[in-house]
Amino acid sequence: MEEKKTNKLAIILISILVLFIVLCIVAFVWYSSNLKSVSKQSKIVEIEIKDGMGVSRIASLLEENNVIKNANVMKIYVKVNKIGHLQAGKYKLDASEDMPSILAHLSNGDVLNNEVKITFIEGKNMRWIAKTISEKTLNTEDDVFDLLEDEDYIDSLIEKYWFITDEIKDESIYYPLEGYLLPDTYIFENNEVSVKSIFATILSYTEKYLNEYKQEIENSNLTVHQILTLASMAELEGKSTEDRAEIIGVFFNRIDKKMSLGSDVTTYYAFKVDMGERDLKAKELNTENPYNTRGPNMIGKIPVGPISNPSKSAIEATLNYKETDALYFVADKNGKVYFTKNNEEHNKIIKKLKDDGLWFTY
C-alpha cells in the first residue's frame, strides 16, 4: 500500500516537473520569439522619445508603432539585462532589427540628427541669402522676399530691436533687412524652419553683437543704418580691417569736400548685378539711383541703405575708421588697396596696375 502511494506521488511530481519544463520551454520560445524582429524586410519608423518617458511608456510606444512585437517582453528584457537609461530624442528605427538591437540604439542615444547648418558668408547680399535659404530649407526664395515685403512684420522688428529703425522702410530700399543679418554659421532644428525663425535667430545674434558697441554708436554722428551702409561698402572694397578703416576715412573726406563717393560696388548693387558677373556699363554708371554713388545727385551722399551684409571686421572698421588725407583708392586684382591724394596720382596707379597686369577684369 505504501509502495502504491509512493509511486503515485512520484508520478505526480514527475508530471509537475514535466509540466514545469514544458511551461519553461513554452515561455522561453514565447520570450525568444518576441525578441525577434517584427519584419523580415527593412521598414524604417521614426520615433520620438520625449524627456521623462519611462520604460513602460517607451515599450508601449514601440509596440504601437510596430517596431517591437511585445511591450511586456521589452520590460522584462530591460530588467533582466539591467539596461540603464533610454535616451530621449528622435530616432529612425528599422523594424527588421531585433529588440536587443533596437534597445541598443535607444541606450546609446543614436538619435536622428535633423539639424540644418547654414553659413551666411560675409559680404553677400539678400538675393544670395534667399537662394541659400531655399537650398538648405523647405522655403523658397519667394518666401524670403514675401516676408521682407510684409509691412506688419517689418514694423514688429522696429518695435522689438533698438538698432532697427524706420530708416529701413524707405521706399527706395530693395530689401529692408539688407545689412542687418550678421554673417556667421547658424544651426536650426530641421529644414522645416521658417524664414521668420531664421531671421529671428540672426537678428538676436546681431543685437548681441551691436550691444557691445551701443554706447560708441550713440556717441557717434551716425545712425546704425548709416554705419551698416558704410560697413557694407567697405566689406566689398577692401579685404583687411586696416584697409577698410582707411576706405571709410576716404569716404568721409569725400563727403566733407562735397564729392560723390564714386564706389563701383554701389553701382553693381543698384542694378542688381553680382560682383564678378560682368563689367558695368557706362549707362549704368551714369544712371541716377539712390544706391549708385557714381550716378547723378549723389554728391556727398551715402547709399540709401546697405548693399551687403557686412562682417564684424567691416563694422568695427567703420566705427574706428582711420583719418587720412587720401581722397581716392583702388584695388589690384590681388586685393591690395592703393590710396592716393588726388585724381592725377589715382590715374597713375591705375595705369601702372594695367601695365603690370594687375588690373582686375571680369
Foldseek 3Di string as FASTA:
>chain_A
DVVVVVVVVVVVVVVVVVVVVVVVVVVVCVLVVQQAFQDQDWDKDKDFADPPDDLLRVLVRCCVRRLTPHSVSSVVVCVVVVQDDFDGAIDTGTSNGGNVVVSVCRSVVVHDQQKFKAFDDALAWLQVVLVRLVVGAVDHSVQLQVCQVPPVNLVVVCVVAVQQHCLLVPPQHRGSCFQQQATDMDMDRHRHDHPVNVSVVRNVVSRVVCVVCVVLQVPDPDGSFVLSQLLSLLQVQADALQSLLALLLLLVVQLVVQAQSQRVLLLCLQVVHDPPNADDDPCSLADDGQSRSSYPPRGSHHHSGHSHHHHPSSSVSSSNHDHDQFNDWHAWQVRDIDTHNDPVVVVVVQVVCVVVVRHDHD
